[in-house]
Protein backbone atom coordinates (compact mmCIF):
# COMPACT_ATOMS: atom_id res chain seq x y z
CA UNK A 1 20.51 -1.76 -13.42
CA UNK A 2 18.19 -4.30 -12.14
CA UNK A 3 17.32 -5.92 -8.97
CA UNK A 4 15.96 -9.47 -8.06
CA UNK A 5 13.98 -9.36 -4.71
CA UNK A 6 13.22 -12.38 -2.37
CA UNK A 7 10.26 -14.36 -1.89
CA UNK A 8 9.60 -12.22 1.56
CA UNK A 9 9.85 -9.08 -0.26
CA UNK A 10 6.77 -9.46 -2.79
CA UNK A 11 3.59 -10.50 -1.20
CA UNK A 12 -0.03 -9.98 -1.64
CA UNK A 13 -2.88 -7.58 -0.79
CA UNK A 14 -5.82 -9.98 0.19
CA UNK A 15 -8.14 -7.38 -0.87
CA UNK A 16 -7.82 -7.76 -4.25
CA UNK A 17 -9.18 -11.34 -3.69
CA UNK A 18 -12.10 -10.51 -1.49
CA UNK A 19 -15.24 -10.30 -3.35
CA UNK A 20 -16.77 -7.35 -1.75
CA UNK A 21 -13.41 -5.54 -1.23
CA UNK A 22 -13.97 -3.49 1.95
CA UNK A 23 -15.12 -6.47 3.89
CA UNK A 24 -13.78 -9.95 4.37
CA UNK A 25 -15.42 -12.53 6.93
CA UNK A 26 -13.38 -15.46 8.35
CA UNK A 27 -14.24 -18.11 5.76
CA UNK A 28 -13.41 -15.76 2.91
CA UNK A 29 -10.11 -15.00 4.51
CA UNK A 30 -9.59 -18.60 5.30
CA UNK A 31 -9.74 -19.38 1.10
CA UNK A 32 -7.57 -16.11 0.36
CA UNK A 33 -4.85 -17.40 2.88
CA UNK A 34 -4.83 -20.94 1.80
CA UNK A 35 -4.86 -20.09 -1.88
CA UNK A 36 -1.75 -17.52 -1.52
CA UNK A 37 -0.05 -19.90 0.52
CA UNK A 38 -0.17 -22.79 -2.03
CA UNK A 39 0.95 -20.23 -4.88
CA UNK A 40 4.13 -19.51 -2.72
CA UNK A 41 3.18 -15.92 -1.13
CA UNK A 42 4.42 -15.82 2.62
CA UNK A 43 4.14 -12.10 3.02
CA UNK A 44 0.76 -9.72 3.43
CA UNK A 45 0.12 -6.44 2.97
CA UNK A 46 -3.42 -6.21 5.19
CA UNK A 47 -6.13 -3.57 5.58
CA UNK A 48 -6.76 -3.26 9.05
CA UNK A 49 -10.64 -4.39 8.79
CA UNK A 50 -9.64 -7.76 7.80
CA UNK A 51 -8.06 -8.40 11.31
CA UNK A 52 -10.30 -6.42 13.59
CA UNK A 53 -13.84 -7.70 12.15
CA UNK A 54 -12.29 -11.39 12.73
CA UNK A 55 -10.75 -11.25 16.19
CA UNK A 56 -7.09 -10.17 15.68
CA UNK A 57 -5.60 -13.18 17.26
CA UNK A 58 -7.62 -15.83 15.73
CA UNK A 59 -6.40 -14.06 12.13
CA UNK A 60 -2.75 -13.92 13.72
CA UNK A 61 -3.15 -17.90 14.25
CA UNK A 62 -4.53 -18.47 11.07
CA UNK A 63 -1.56 -16.72 9.25
CA UNK A 64 0.81 -18.23 11.51
CA UNK A 65 -0.58 -21.75 10.36
CA UNK A 66 -0.30 -20.64 6.70
CA UNK A 67 3.25 -19.58 7.16
CA UNK A 68 2.30 -16.08 6.48
CA UNK A 69 3.69 -12.85 7.87
CA UNK A 70 1.94 -9.24 7.64
CA UNK A 71 4.48 -6.95 6.72
CA UNK A 72 1.97 -3.65 6.28
CA UNK A 73 -0.85 -2.82 7.83
CA UNK A 74 -3.37 -0.20 5.80
CA UNK A 75 -4.37 2.49 7.32
CA UNK A 76 -4.44 5.55 9.51
CA UNK A 77 -6.24 8.68 7.85
CA UNK A 78 -7.47 11.01 10.53
CA UNK A 79 -3.30 12.26 10.61
CA UNK A 80 -3.98 15.01 8.06
CA UNK A 81 -6.27 16.99 10.55
CA UNK A 82 -3.43 17.19 13.11
CA UNK A 83 -2.06 15.48 16.18
CA UNK A 84 -4.88 16.20 18.54
CA UNK A 85 -7.31 14.63 16.10
CA UNK A 86 -5.47 11.47 14.96
CA UNK A 87 -3.68 10.32 18.03
CA UNK A 88 -6.18 7.60 19.29
CA UNK A 89 -6.68 6.34 15.93
CA UNK A 90 -2.74 6.16 15.64
CA UNK A 91 -2.24 4.58 18.86
CA UNK A 92 -5.13 1.57 17.90
CA UNK A 93 -3.34 1.26 14.71
CA UNK A 94 0.04 0.69 16.05
CA UNK A 95 -1.31 -1.62 18.53
CA UNK A 96 -2.47 -3.75 15.66
CA UNK A 97 0.91 -3.21 14.00
CA UNK A 98 2.57 -4.96 16.83
CA UNK A 99 -0.17 -7.42 17.28
CA UNK A 100 0.28 -8.66 13.86
CA UNK A 101 4.12 -8.76 13.60
CA UNK A 102 4.12 -6.15 10.88
CA UNK A 103 6.58 -3.33 10.48
CA UNK A 104 5.03 -0.55 8.60
CA UNK A 105 1.84 1.26 8.89
CA UNK A 106 0.52 3.01 5.96
CA UNK A 107 -0.96 6.49 6.12
CA UNK A 108 -3.61 7.71 3.58
CA UNK A 109 -4.63 11.33 3.12
CA UNK A 110 -8.53 11.37 2.88
CA UNK A 111 -10.40 14.52 2.03
CA UNK A 112 -9.87 17.16 -0.61
CA UNK A 113 -7.09 19.74 -0.70
CA UNK A 114 -9.38 22.63 0.20
CA UNK A 115 -10.55 20.68 3.23
CA UNK A 116 -6.83 20.20 4.77
CA UNK A 117 -4.39 22.39 6.25
CA UNK A 118 -0.78 21.44 4.99
CA UNK A 119 0.45 22.60 8.52
CA UNK A 120 -2.07 20.45 10.24
CA UNK A 121 -1.23 17.36 7.84
CA UNK A 122 2.90 17.88 8.61
CA UNK A 123 2.10 17.75 12.33
CA UNK A 124 -0.28 14.81 12.33
CA UNK A 125 2.25 12.91 10.28
CA UNK A 126 5.31 13.95 12.45
CA UNK A 127 3.00 12.83 15.60
CA UNK A 128 2.11 9.43 14.18
CA UNK A 129 6.18 8.56 12.86
CA UNK A 130 6.85 9.98 16.44
CA UNK A 131 4.38 7.14 18.09
CA UNK A 132 5.49 4.41 15.59
CA UNK A 133 9.11 5.18 16.17
CA UNK A 134 8.81 4.37 19.61
CA UNK A 135 7.84 1.00 19.03
CA UNK A 136 10.14 0.48 16.04
CA UNK A 137 7.48 0.83 13.12
CA UNK A 138 8.01 2.89 9.95
CA UNK A 139 5.05 5.14 8.72
CA UNK A 140 4.48 5.14 4.84
CA UNK A 141 2.33 7.83 3.19
CA UNK A 142 0.22 6.81 -0.04
CA UNK A 143 -0.17 9.86 -2.21
CA UNK A 144 -3.70 9.71 -4.29
CA UNK A 145 -5.04 11.77 -7.06
CA UNK A 146 -7.74 13.84 -6.07
CA UNK A 147 -6.43 14.03 -2.26
CA UNK A 148 -4.28 16.45 -0.12
CA UNK A 149 -1.44 14.89 -1.46
CA UNK A 150 -1.84 14.11 -5.00
CA UNK A 151 1.34 13.30 -6.46
CA UNK A 152 4.89 11.89 -5.16
CA UNK A 153 6.28 15.58 -5.13
CA UNK A 154 3.72 16.81 -2.45
CA UNK A 155 4.07 13.74 -0.46
CA UNK A 156 7.87 13.77 -0.02
CA UNK A 157 7.63 17.69 0.89
CA UNK A 158 5.36 16.97 3.69
CA UNK A 159 7.83 14.15 4.83
CA UNK A 160 10.84 16.26 4.49
CA UNK A 161 9.09 19.24 6.61
CA UNK A 162 7.85 16.47 9.14
CA UNK A 163 11.27 16.01 9.96
CA UNK A 164 10.59 12.13 10.84
CA UNK A 165 13.22 9.73 10.02
CA UNK A 166 10.93 6.68 9.93
CA UNK A 167 8.80 8.52 7.32
CA UNK A 168 8.50 7.12 3.67
CA UNK A 169 6.44 6.73 0.91
CA UNK A 170 4.19 4.18 -0.60
CA UNK A 171 4.51 3.95 -4.57
CA UNK A 172 1.25 2.98 -6.16
CA UNK A 173 1.50 2.53 -9.83
CA UNK A 174 -1.82 3.50 -10.45
CA UNK A 175 -1.49 6.67 -8.33
CA UNK A 176 2.05 7.26 -9.96
CA UNK A 177 0.47 7.66 -13.23
CA UNK A 178 -2.59 9.85 -12.57
CA UNK A 179 -1.31 12.68 -10.60
CA UNK A 180 -2.58 16.28 -11.78
CA UNK A 181 1.04 17.22 -13.10
CA UNK A 182 3.49 14.95 -14.93
CA UNK A 183 4.42 12.45 -12.52
CA UNK A 184 6.97 10.08 -13.86
CA UNK A 185 10.38 7.96 -13.08
CA UNK A 186 12.11 11.35 -12.53
CA UNK A 187 10.13 12.27 -9.86
CA UNK A 188 10.91 8.93 -8.12
CA UNK A 189 14.43 9.37 -8.81
CA UNK A 190 14.51 12.34 -6.52
CA UNK A 191 13.51 10.35 -3.30
CA UNK A 192 16.13 8.51 -1.13
CA UNK A 193 15.77 4.86 -1.82
CA UNK A 194 15.52 4.28 2.04
CA UNK A 195 12.60 6.53 2.11
CA UNK A 196 10.63 4.32 -0.39
CA UNK A 197 8.77 1.78 2.38
CA UNK A 198 6.37 0.13 0.33
CA UNK A 199 5.33 -0.62 -3.42
CA UNK A 200 1.91 -1.47 -4.56
CA UNK A 201 2.11 -3.44 -8.04
CA UNK A 202 -0.08 -3.10 -10.66
CA UNK A 203 -0.47 -1.28 -13.89
CA UNK A 204 -3.09 1.36 -14.71
CA UNK A 205 -5.42 0.95 -17.70
CA UNK A 206 -5.53 3.21 -20.87
CA UNK A 207 -8.42 4.92 -20.01
CA UNK A 208 -7.93 8.29 -18.32
CA UNK A 209 -10.55 9.18 -15.38
CA UNK A 210 -11.70 12.47 -15.41
CA UNK A 211 -13.28 12.74 -11.65
CA UNK A 212 -12.39 11.31 -8.46
CA UNK A 213 -15.38 8.97 -8.73
CA UNK A 214 -14.36 7.48 -11.80
CA UNK A 215 -10.79 6.96 -10.59
CA UNK A 216 -12.13 5.35 -7.42
CA UNK A 217 -13.99 2.74 -9.69
CA UNK A 218 -11.13 2.17 -11.87
CA UNK A 219 -8.61 1.71 -9.16
CA UNK A 220 -10.84 -0.99 -7.16
CA UNK A 221 -11.91 -3.01 -10.43
CA UNK A 222 -10.18 -2.52 -13.74
CA UNK A 223 -6.14 -2.24 -12.74
CA UNK A 224 -4.13 -4.07 -15.44
CA UNK A 225 -1.52 -6.84 -14.61
CA UNK A 226 1.83 -5.14 -14.60
CA UNK A 227 3.53 -4.98 -17.77
CA UNK A 228 0.13 -4.81 -19.48
CA UNK A 229 -0.89 -1.33 -18.79
CA UNK A 230 0.56 2.32 -19.33
CA UNK A 231 2.92 2.65 -16.88
CA UNK A 232 6.67 2.76 -17.36
CA UNK A 233 6.75 -0.53 -15.27
CA UNK A 234 10.59 -1.20 -16.19
CA UNK A 235 11.66 2.34 -15.40
CA UNK A 236 10.11 2.38 -12.06
CA UNK A 237 12.03 -0.94 -11.21
CA UNK A 238 15.17 0.57 -12.60
CA UNK A 239 14.71 3.68 -10.57
CA UNK A 240 14.25 1.73 -7.23
CA UNK A 241 17.07 -0.16 -7.92
CA UNK A 242 19.45 2.49 -8.93
CA UNK A 243 18.69 4.55 -5.41
CA UNK A 244 19.32 1.16 -3.52
CA UNK A 245 15.58 1.21 -2.56
CA UNK A 246 14.76 -2.04 -0.47
CA UNK A 247 10.99 -1.77 -0.11
CA UNK A 248 8.29 -4.44 0.63
CA UNK A 249 6.00 -5.06 -2.81
CA UNK A 250 2.79 -6.18 -2.60
CA UNK A 251 0.18 -7.23 -5.58
CA UNK A 252 -2.44 -4.90 -5.91
CA UNK A 253 -4.18 -5.52 -9.29
CA UNK A 254 -8.05 -4.88 -8.28
CA UNK A 255 -9.52 -6.53 -11.56
CA UNK A 256 -13.05 -8.01 -11.01
CA UNK A 257 -12.65 -9.76 -14.18
CA UNK A 258 -9.47 -11.75 -12.89
CA UNK A 259 -11.21 -12.40 -9.75
CA UNK A 260 -14.42 -13.95 -11.63
CA UNK A 261 -12.86 -17.32 -11.34
CA UNK A 262 -11.99 -17.26 -7.75
CA UNK A 263 -9.06 -16.10 -5.69
CA UNK A 264 -7.16 -19.58 -6.13
CA UNK A 265 -7.08 -19.02 -9.97
CA UNK A 266 -6.24 -15.27 -9.77
CA UNK A 267 -3.51 -15.67 -7.32
CA UNK A 268 -2.10 -18.51 -9.69
CA UNK A 269 -2.56 -15.91 -12.58
CA UNK A 270 -0.55 -13.46 -10.73
CA UNK A 271 2.39 -15.58 -9.52
CA UNK A 272 4.82 -14.89 -12.62
CA UNK A 273 4.44 -11.46 -12.03
CA UNK A 274 5.68 -11.76 -8.25
CA UNK A 275 8.52 -13.90 -9.80
CA UNK A 276 9.32 -11.22 -12.43
CA UNK A 277 10.45 -8.71 -9.69
């Protein structure tokens, strides 16, 4: 069983096109936006700093003029410490989601497993989802190796425990294949399709990182083009289709080699990947 997704459903993460990744000034963002629009990309998953550091209204005008819509804003992180610790951050990020016209807020679990209380993280996620639901926004957890939620199973348990109907998952092909246990397509098949909100498209390289530091370097610099790495890429797509999942996809191929010739060349190189989904 396969499924073809619309152009609106397959977009770009601009961070893979920024030289410094974590920061992106307005002139660089404008080049990235122009490159994406020229290649036919009209949807983004946007790191919050790219908007906040460049004046939100100015960034929204830039996107609107290029015909680009932000669908996901990344990310809240303090929720793992509980509702009291994260309320202000959640509200600020929800304001940003609304200002950009997005529909999904990404929740990333920072810290180590020893530092985070499962009860506090569940409470914090439930509170974030409750605040988001009042605004018609969904919240998606991005599980990550070497984090309090290192695999798809642990993230899904927390979502179920939270009772949040607007809470769901982010499937990052790199994270999916780097968990501490066997994390494969069968894990994904256990998740209701409507709870898969967002998919970050890439492929993990053959090398296996042994530490969190090595994994971060891999994640930010040597991800492979889909179908050229080690994941069961087609198996994941089949599992999504079989569960009637309708997520937003964003290309997240962090690769310094591909970026060496500039964002316009990299976007054109990745265009066939988007067309193949």
